[in-house]
Amino acid sequence: MVSMDELTRSRYLQALGTDAYISRGQLPGAAVTRRLAIVCQSPRPLPQVAPAPAESTARSPKMPVKIPRLATASATAGPEAAPVRPVNQNQGPEFSLVAISCGDWLWLEEQEDASRLPEQLMLVQSMAEALGIAAGDAGKRPSSAQFDWPIHKNRQLDQGEEAARSSVAGFIQRKLEQLRCQGLVLLGAGCEGRLALNQLDCPQVVRTVSTAEILRNPLLKRQAWQDLQPLLQPA
């Protein structure tokens, strides 16, 4: 099939006496109409059309349809699609939390140095034994679970601070239910800032200094002892 441009096609239609119509406006739901400017050129001889047979009924000739000249030759552009943007490009905070199960309580602390985790576990166990809440865990190393944020690298999903606090709350709630803990011990002020407490269903929450602070300054043991009095079991 031989393709032809729009002007040549229009001339053929005129020579055949066929009406050609164009839309004066963009029709709803239709493809975008390509508007072409018609440039006047020197007349060219039209192709000869074979005469109709003598026995055919003669019909009155039709006036050729004139195609109006348009102001521009460029295609009419449709509406530009809005660019796709990520839901939240904020990278948000990066941190690690350690949840320690000891003495039927869940001890939560922000991890500063992973190499000191064994010392921190021993310190938590010592405090639990001193409070008389680790009788069944004597000689048994506390179990721990780590929570790292962000939990994914997908920038299309929210990685902001509020999303982090909600994720930590969900993590802690699961641990409290799985381990059947009596309550939560928040070790360090920074740890509490990572958690949405209003989203927790926890019977008791106790706050004190972090084990990392105690290891750096043993004099803080006195403050920790005072803060942890609600956990103290009668002799």
C-alpha atoms as a PDB file:
ATOM      1  CA  MET A   1       0.000   0.000   0.000  1.00  0.00           C
ATOM      2  CA  VAL A   2       1.360   3.394  -1.008  1.00  0.00           C
ATOM      3  CA  SER A   3       0.991   6.048   1.672  1.00  0.00           C
ATOM      4  CA  MET A   4       0.232   9.631   0.708  1.00  0.00           C
ATOM      5  CA  ASP A   5       0.269  12.880   2.591  1.00  0.00           C
ATOM      6  CA  GLU A   6      -2.912  14.621   3.702  1.00  0.00           C
ATOM      7  CA  LEU A   7      -2.874  17.254   0.941  1.00  0.00           C
ATOM      8  CA  THR A   8      -2.617  14.713  -1.852  1.00  0.00           C
ATOM      9  CA  ARG A   9      -5.390  12.657  -0.272  1.00  0.00           C
ATOM     10  CA  SER A  10      -7.620  15.751  -0.128  1.00  0.00           C
ATOM     11  CA  ARG A  11      -7.056  16.506  -3.809  1.00  0.00           C
ATOM     12  CA  TYR A  12      -8.003  12.968  -4.752  1.00  0.00           C
ATOM     13  CA  LEU A  13     -11.180  13.229  -2.731  1.00  0.00           C
ATOM     14  CA  GLN A  14     -12.059  16.531  -4.425  1.00  0.00           C
ATOM     15  CA  ALA A  15     -11.458  15.055  -7.848  1.00  0.00           C
ATOM     16  CA  LEU A  16     -13.739  12.144  -6.999  1.00  0.00           C
ATOM     17  CA  GLY A  17     -16.456  14.469  -5.780  1.00  0.00           C
ATOM     18  CA  THR A  18     -16.253  13.091  -2.254  1.00  0.00           C
ATOM     19  CA  ASP A  19     -16.945  15.368   0.665  1.00  0.00           C
ATOM     20  CA  ALA A  20     -14.193  15.761   3.223  1.00  0.00           C
ATOM     21  CA  TYR A  21     -14.937  17.060   6.677  1.00  0.00           C
ATOM     22  CA  ILE A  22     -12.764  18.159   9.546  1.00  0.00           C
ATOM     23  CA  SER A  23     -13.698  18.914  13.146  1.00  0.00           C
ATOM     24  CA  ARG A  24     -13.660  22.499  14.311  1.00  0.00           C
ATOM     25  CA  GLY A  25     -12.958  21.454  17.899  1.00  0.00           C
ATOM     26  CA  GLN A  26     -11.540  18.567  19.844  1.00  0.00           C
ATOM     27  CA  LEU A  27     -14.168  15.807  20.223  1.00  0.00           C
ATOM     28  CA  PRO A  28     -14.526  14.281  23.725  1.00  0.00           C
ATOM     29  CA  GLY A  29     -12.805  10.924  24.028  1.00  0.00           C
ATOM     30  CA  ALA A  30     -11.347  11.126  20.481  1.00  0.00           C
ATOM     31  CA  ALA A  31      -7.674  11.001  19.596  1.00  0.00           C
ATOM     32  CA  VAL A  32      -5.974  14.368  19.399  1.00  0.00           C
ATOM     33  CA  THR A  33      -6.600  15.896  15.960  1.00  0.00           C
ATOM     34  CA  ARG A  34      -3.492  16.792  14.015  1.00  0.00           C
ATOM     35  CA  ARG A  35      -3.888  20.328  12.657  1.00  0.00           C
ATOM     36  CA  LEU A  36      -2.084  21.036   9.395  1.00  0.00           C
ATOM     37  CA  ALA A  37      -1.483  24.307   7.632  1.00  0.00           C
ATOM     38  CA  ILE A  38      -2.216  24.294   3.920  1.00  0.00           C
ATOM     39  CA  VAL A  39       0.341  26.185   1.869  1.00  0.00           C
ATOM     40  CA  CYS A  40      -0.814  27.453  -1.502  1.00  0.00           C
ATOM     41  CA  GLN A  41       1.359  26.186  -4.345  1.00  0.00           C
ATOM     42  CA  SER A  42       1.192  26.364  -8.088  1.00  0.00           C
ATOM     43  CA  PRO A  43      -1.737  24.342  -9.379  1.00  0.00           C
ATOM     44  CA  ARG A  44      -0.981  20.839 -10.453  1.00  0.00           C
ATOM     45  CA  PRO A  45      -2.902  18.910 -13.050  1.00  0.00           C
ATOM     46  CA  LEU A  46      -5.456  16.687 -11.390  1.00  0.00           C
ATOM     47  CA  PRO A  47      -5.555  13.045 -12.355  1.00  0.00           C
ATOM     48  CA  GLN A  48      -7.983  12.218 -15.161  1.00  0.00           C
ATOM     49  CA  VAL A  49     -11.087  10.424 -14.001  1.00  0.00           C
ATOM     50  CA  ALA A  50     -12.590   7.901 -16.401  1.00  0.00           C
ATOM     51  CA  PRO A  51     -16.010   9.048 -17.706  1.00  0.00           C
ATOM     52  CA  ALA A  52     -19.039   7.200 -16.445  1.00  0.00           C
ATOM     53  CA  PRO A  53     -20.633   4.661 -18.803  1.00  0.00           C
ATOM     54  CA  ALA A  54     -23.294   6.024 -21.138  1.00  0.00           C
ATOM     55  CA  GLU A  55     -26.033   3.859 -19.667  1.00  0.00           C
ATOM     56  CA  SER A  56     -25.435   5.110 -16.142  1.00  0.00           C
ATOM     57  CA  THR A  57     -27.658   7.819 -14.782  1.00  0.00           C
ATOM     58  CA  ALA A  58     -25.940  11.218 -14.810  1.00  0.00           C
ATOM     59  CA  ARG A  59     -25.822  12.985 -11.512  1.00  0.00           C
ATOM     60  CA  SER A  60     -25.349  16.623 -10.731  1.00  0.00           C
ATOM     61  CA  PRO A  61     -21.789  17.584  -9.938  1.00  0.00           C
ATOM     62  CA  LYS A  62     -20.968  18.509  -6.342  1.00  0.00           C
ATOM     63  CA  MET A  63     -19.043  21.547  -5.331  1.00  0.00           C
ATOM     64  CA  PRO A  64     -15.572  20.722  -4.029  1.00  0.00           C
ATOM     65  CA  VAL A  65     -15.122  21.094  -0.284  1.00  0.00           C
ATOM     66  CA  LYS A  66     -12.621  23.703   0.692  1.00  0.00           C
ATOM     67  CA  ILE A  67     -10.409  22.859   3.650  1.00  0.00           C
ATOM     68  CA  PRO A  68      -9.841  25.955   5.806  1.00  0.00           C
ATOM     69  CA  ARG A  69      -6.313  27.122   6.381  1.00  0.00           C
ATOM     70  CA  LEU A  70      -5.163  26.718   9.958  1.00  0.00           C
ATOM     71  CA  ALA A  71      -2.766  28.956  11.798  1.00  0.00           C
ATOM     72  CA  THR A  72      -0.216  26.324  12.818  1.00  0.00           C
ATOM     73  CA  ALA A  73       1.245  23.217  11.306  1.00  0.00           C
ATOM     74  CA  SER A  74       2.317  21.583  14.573  1.00  0.00           C
ATOM     75  CA  ALA A  75       0.312  18.761  16.109  1.00  0.00           C
ATOM     76  CA  THR A  76      -1.990  19.785  18.913  1.00  0.00           C
ATOM     77  CA  ALA A  77      -0.439  18.554  22.129  1.00  0.00           C
ATOM     78  CA  GLY A  78      -2.609  16.822  24.669  1.00  0.00           C
ATOM     79  CA  PRO A  79      -2.516  17.605  28.375  1.00  0.00           C
ATOM     80  CA  GLU A  80       0.809  16.769  29.990  1.00  0.00           C
ATOM     81  CA  ALA A  81       0.721  13.918  32.472  1.00  0.00           C
ATOM     82  CA  ALA A  82       1.776  14.811  35.989  1.00  0.00           C
ATOM     83  CA  PRO A  83       5.207  13.354  36.830  1.00  0.00           C
ATOM     84  CA  VAL A  84       5.231  10.370  39.149  1.00  0.00           C
ATOM     85  CA  ARG A  85       6.870  11.271  42.441  1.00  0.00           C
ATOM     86  CA  PRO A  86       7.829   9.087  45.367  1.00  0.00           C
ATOM     87  CA  VAL A  87       5.401   9.036  48.308  1.00  0.00           C
ATOM     88  CA  ASN A  88       8.081  10.337  50.612  1.00  0.00           C
ATOM     89  CA  GLN A  89      11.661  11.078  49.621  1.00  0.00           C
ATOM     90  CA  ASN A  90      12.659  11.793  53.210  1.00  0.00           C
ATOM     91  CA  GLN A  91      15.241   9.223  54.229  1.00  0.00           C
ATOM     92  CA  GLY A  92      14.358   9.663  57.887  1.00  0.00           C
ATOM     93  CA  PRO A  93      16.392   8.437  60.879  1.00  0.00           C
ATOM     94  CA  GLU A  94      18.677   5.421  61.015  1.00  0.00           C
ATOM     95  CA  PHE A  95      19.017   3.489  64.275  1.00  0.00           C
ATOM     96  CA  SER A  96      19.065   0.053  65.916  1.00  0.00           C
ATOM     97  CA  LEU A  97      17.178  -1.042  69.028  1.00  0.00           C
ATOM     98  CA  VAL A  98      17.802  -4.123  71.163  1.00  0.00           C
ATOM     99  CA  ALA A  99      14.884  -5.759  72.986  1.00  0.00           C
ATOM    100  CA  ILE A 100      16.092  -7.947  75.875  1.00  0.00           C
ATOM    101  CA  SER A 101      13.808 -10.467  77.561  1.00  0.00           C
ATOM    102  CA  CYS A 102      14.747 -11.027  81.204  1.00  0.00           C
ATOM    103  CA  GLY A 103      12.740 -11.595  84.386  1.00  0.00           C
ATOM    104  CA  ASP A 104       9.354 -11.517  82.611  1.00  0.00           C
ATOM    105  CA  TRP A 105      10.100  -7.949  81.518  1.00  0.00           C
ATOM    106  CA  LEU A 106      11.131  -6.543  78.154  1.00  0.00           C
ATOM    107  CA  TRP A 107      14.143  -4.221  78.365  1.00  0.00           C
ATOM    108  CA  LEU A 108      14.554  -1.880  75.415  1.00  0.00           C
ATOM    109  CA  GLU A 109      17.690   0.118  74.578  1.00  0.00           C
ATOM    110  CA  GLU A 110      19.091   1.921  71.549  1.00  0.00           C
ATOM    111  CA  GLN A 111      22.192   0.120  70.340  1.00  0.00           C
ATOM    112  CA  GLU A 112      25.257   2.361  70.160  1.00  0.00           C
ATOM    113  CA  ASP A 113      28.050  -0.204  69.872  1.00  0.00           C
ATOM    114  CA  ALA A 114      27.225  -3.786  68.890  1.00  0.00           C
ATOM    115  CA  SER A 115      30.531  -5.023  70.301  1.00  0.00           C
ATOM    116  CA  ARG A 116      29.355  -4.157  73.841  1.00  0.00           C
ATOM    117  CA  LEU A 117      26.112  -6.107  73.612  1.00  0.00           C
ATOM    118  CA  PRO A 118      27.386  -9.089  75.700  1.00  0.00           C
ATOM    119  CA  GLU A 119      28.301  -6.709  78.556  1.00  0.00           C
ATOM    120  CA  GLN A 120      24.903  -5.015  78.340  1.00  0.00           C
ATOM    121  CA  LEU A 121      23.103  -8.379  78.495  1.00  0.00           C
ATOM    122  CA  MET A 122      25.068  -9.342  81.591  1.00  0.00           C
ATOM    123  CA  LEU A 123      24.246  -5.999  83.221  1.00  0.00           C
ATOM    124  CA  VAL A 124      20.516  -6.396  82.533  1.00  0.00           C
ATOM    125  CA  GLN A 125      20.617  -9.887  83.990  1.00  0.00           C
ATOM    126  CA  SER A 126      22.441  -8.604  87.097  1.00  0.00           C
ATOM    127  CA  MET A 127      19.840  -5.872  87.633  1.00  0.00           C
ATOM    128  CA  ALA A 128      16.987  -8.370  87.187  1.00  0.00           C
ATOM    129  CA  GLU A 129      18.561 -10.750  89.715  1.00  0.00           C
ATOM    130  CA  ALA A 130      19.122  -7.909  92.198  1.00  0.00           C
ATOM    131  CA  LEU A 131      15.435  -7.000  91.898  1.00  0.00           C
ATOM    132  CA  GLY A 132      14.430 -10.606  92.513  1.00  0.00           C
ATOM    133  CA  ILE A 133      12.599 -10.971  89.209  1.00  0.00           C
ATOM    134  CA  ALA A 134      14.987 -13.409  87.517  1.00  0.00           C
ATOM    135  CA  ALA A 135      14.699 -16.388  89.840  1.00  0.00           C
ATOM    136  CA  GLY A 136      13.692 -18.667  87.008  1.00  0.00           C
ATOM    137  CA  ASP A 137      16.400 -17.257  84.731  1.00  0.00           C
ATOM    138  CA  ALA A 138      19.372 -17.792  87.062  1.00  0.00           C
ATOM    139  CA  GLY A 139      22.446 -18.728  85.072  1.00  0.00           C
ATOM    140  CA  LYS A 140      20.527 -18.318  81.813  1.00  0.00           C
ATOM    141  CA  ARG A 141      21.639 -15.673  79.358  1.00  0.00           C
ATOM    142  CA  PRO A 142      18.833 -13.249  78.460  1.00  0.00           C
ATOM    143  CA  SER A 143      17.491 -13.483  74.928  1.00  0.00           C
ATOM    144  CA  SER A 144      17.627 -10.445  72.677  1.00  0.00           C
ATOM    145  CA  ALA A 145      16.143  -9.284  69.378  1.00  0.00           C
ATOM    146  CA  GLN A 146      17.336  -6.379  67.254  1.00  0.00           C
ATOM    147  CA  PHE A 147      15.208  -3.888  65.358  1.00  0.00           C
ATOM    148  CA  ASP A 148      16.906  -1.889  62.569  1.00  0.00           C
ATOM    149  CA  TRP A 149      15.464   1.172  60.870  1.00  0.00           C
ATOM    150  CA  PRO A 150      14.912   1.658  57.989  1.00  0.00           C
ATOM    151  CA  ILE A 151      13.594  -1.828  57.387  1.00  0.00           C
ATOM    152  CA  HIS A 152      13.591  -1.357  53.582  1.00  0.00           C
ATOM    153  CA  LYS A 153      15.230   0.713  50.848  1.00  0.00           C
ATOM    154  CA  ASN A 154      12.065   1.443  48.863  1.00  0.00           C
ATOM    155  CA  ARG A 155      11.881   5.248  48.557  1.00  0.00           C
ATOM    156  CA  GLN A 156       8.261   4.997  47.417  1.00  0.00           C
ATOM    157  CA  LEU A 157       7.336   4.098  51.019  1.00  0.00           C
ATOM    158  CA  ASP A 158       7.455   6.359  54.046  1.00  0.00           C
ATOM    159  CA  GLN A 159      10.764   6.247  55.935  1.00  0.00           C
ATOM    160  CA  GLY A 160      10.155   9.289  58.133  1.00  0.00           C
ATOM    161  CA  GLU A 161      10.286   9.576  61.904  1.00  0.00           C
ATOM    162  CA  GLU A 162       6.588   8.952  62.544  1.00  0.00           C
ATOM    163  CA  ALA A 163       6.640   5.814  60.394  1.00  0.00           C
ATOM    164  CA  ALA A 164       9.681   4.630  62.358  1.00  0.00           C
ATOM    165  CA  ARG A 165       7.965   5.210  65.727  1.00  0.00           C
ATOM    166  CA  SER A 166       4.891   3.270  64.617  1.00  0.00           C
ATOM    167  CA  SER A 167       7.018   0.386  63.334  1.00  0.00           C
ATOM    168  CA  VAL A 168       8.908   0.189  66.632  1.00  0.00           C
ATOM    169  CA  ALA A 169       5.596   0.146  68.526  1.00  0.00           C
ATOM    170  CA  GLY A 170       4.380  -2.784  66.416  1.00  0.00           C
ATOM    171  CA  PHE A 171       7.653  -4.651  67.000  1.00  0.00           C
ATOM    172  CA  ILE A 172       7.511  -4.107  70.778  1.00  0.00           C
ATOM    173  CA  GLN A 173       3.827  -5.071  71.006  1.00  0.00           C
ATOM    174  CA  ARG A 174       4.518  -8.398  69.277  1.00  0.00           C
ATOM    175  CA  LYS A 175       7.388  -9.126  71.665  1.00  0.00           C
ATOM    176  CA  LEU A 176       5.293  -8.282  74.726  1.00  0.00           C
ATOM    177  CA  GLU A 177       2.562 -10.665  73.599  1.00  0.00           C
ATOM    178  CA  GLN A 178       4.847 -13.482  72.457  1.00  0.00           C
ATOM    179  CA  LEU A 179       6.958 -13.445  75.635  1.00  0.00           C
ATOM    180  CA  ARG A 180       4.018 -12.627  77.950  1.00  0.00           C
ATOM    181  CA  CYS A 181       5.968  -9.838  79.619  1.00  0.00           C
ATOM    182  CA  GLN A 182       4.662  -7.968  82.643  1.00  0.00           C
ATOM    183  CA  GLY A 183       5.853  -4.639  81.305  1.00  0.00           C
ATOM    184  CA  LEU A 184       8.483  -2.630  79.470  1.00  0.00           C
ATOM    185  CA  VAL A 185      11.726  -1.093  80.769  1.00  0.00           C
ATOM    186  CA  LEU A 186      13.013   1.823  78.672  1.00  0.00           C
ATOM    187  CA  LEU A 187      16.776   2.109  79.052  1.00  0.00           C
ATOM    188  CA  GLY A 188      17.847   5.656  78.176  1.00  0.00           C
ATOM    189  CA  ALA A 189      15.976   8.789  77.115  1.00  0.00           C
ATOM    190  CA  GLY A 190      16.899   8.310  73.461  1.00  0.00           C
ATOM    191  CA  CYS A 191      15.180   4.939  73.448  1.00  0.00           C
ATOM    192  CA  GLU A 192      11.817   6.418  74.447  1.00  0.00           C
ATOM    193  CA  GLY A 193      12.004   8.919  71.592  1.00  0.00           C
ATOM    194  CA  ARG A 194      12.072   6.060  69.076  1.00  0.00           C
ATOM    195  CA  LEU A 195       8.796   4.568  70.291  1.00  0.00           C
ATOM    196  CA  ALA A 196       5.145   5.646  69.949  1.00  0.00           C
ATOM    197  CA  LEU A 197       4.008   4.747  73.463  1.00  0.00           C
ATOM    198  CA  ASN A 198       0.413   5.754  72.761  1.00  0.00           C
ATOM    199  CA  GLN A 199       0.180   2.841  70.313  1.00  0.00           C
ATOM    200  CA  LEU A 200       1.193   0.231  72.907  1.00  0.00           C
ATOM    201  CA  ASP A 201      -1.066  -1.935  75.042  1.00  0.00           C
ATOM    202  CA  CYS A 202       1.377  -2.379  77.918  1.00  0.00           C
ATOM    203  CA  PRO A 203       0.436  -2.744  81.620  1.00  0.00           C
ATOM    204  CA  GLN A 204       3.573  -1.026  82.980  1.00  0.00           C
ATOM    205  CA  VAL A 205       6.355   1.163  81.593  1.00  0.00           C
ATOM    206  CA  VAL A 206       9.446   1.949  83.693  1.00  0.00           C
ATOM    207  CA  ARG A 207      12.197   4.372  82.656  1.00  0.00           C
ATOM    208  CA  THR A 208      15.838   4.518  83.735  1.00  0.00           C
ATOM    209  CA  VAL A 209      19.343   5.189  82.414  1.00  0.00           C
ATOM    210  CA  SER A 210      20.761   3.005  79.660  1.00  0.00           C
ATOM    211  CA  THR A 211      23.211   0.167  80.279  1.00  0.00           C
ATOM    212  CA  ALA A 212      25.674   1.931  77.967  1.00  0.00           C
ATOM    213  CA  GLU A 213      25.609   4.959  80.293  1.00  0.00           C
ATOM    214  CA  ILE A 214      26.074   2.729  83.363  1.00  0.00           C
ATOM    215  CA  LEU A 215      29.072   0.997  81.773  1.00  0.00           C
ATOM    216  CA  ARG A 216      30.636   4.399  81.095  1.00  0.00           C
ATOM    217  CA  ASN A 217      29.750   5.747  84.537  1.00  0.00           C
ATOM    218  CA  PRO A 218      29.192   3.057  87.222  1.00  0.00           C
ATOM    219  CA  LEU A 219      27.936   5.725  89.665  1.00  0.00           C
ATOM    220  CA  LEU A 220      24.646   5.722  87.720  1.00  0.00           C
ATOM    221  CA  LYS A 221      23.798   2.333  89.245  1.00  0.00           C
ATOM    222  CA  ARG A 222      22.306   4.135  92.255  1.00  0.00           C
ATOM    223  CA  GLN A 223      19.910   6.063  89.995  1.00  0.00           C
ATOM    224  CA  ALA A 224      18.996   2.894  88.111  1.00  0.00           C
ATOM    225  CA  TRP A 225      18.224   1.142  91.389  1.00  0.00           C
ATOM    226  CA  GLN A 226      15.856   3.913  92.419  1.00  0.00           C
ATOM    227  CA  ASP A 227      14.131   3.995  89.032  1.00  0.00           C
ATOM    228  CA  LEU A 228      13.603   0.227  88.978  1.00  0.00           C
ATOM    229  CA  GLN A 229      11.887  -0.014  92.374  1.00  0.00           C
ATOM    230  CA  PRO A 230       8.476  -0.778  90.742  1.00  0.00           C
ATOM    231  CA  LEU A 231      10.021  -4.068  89.523  1.00  0.00           C
ATOM    232  CA  LEU A 232      11.272  -5.049  92.985  1.00  0.00           C
ATOM    233  CA  GLN A 233       9.793  -8.297  94.262  1.00  0.00           C
ATOM    234  CA  PRO A 234       9.252  -8.724  98.023  1.00  0.00           C
ATOM    235  CA  ALA A 235      11.688 -11.103  99.706  1.00  0.00           C
END
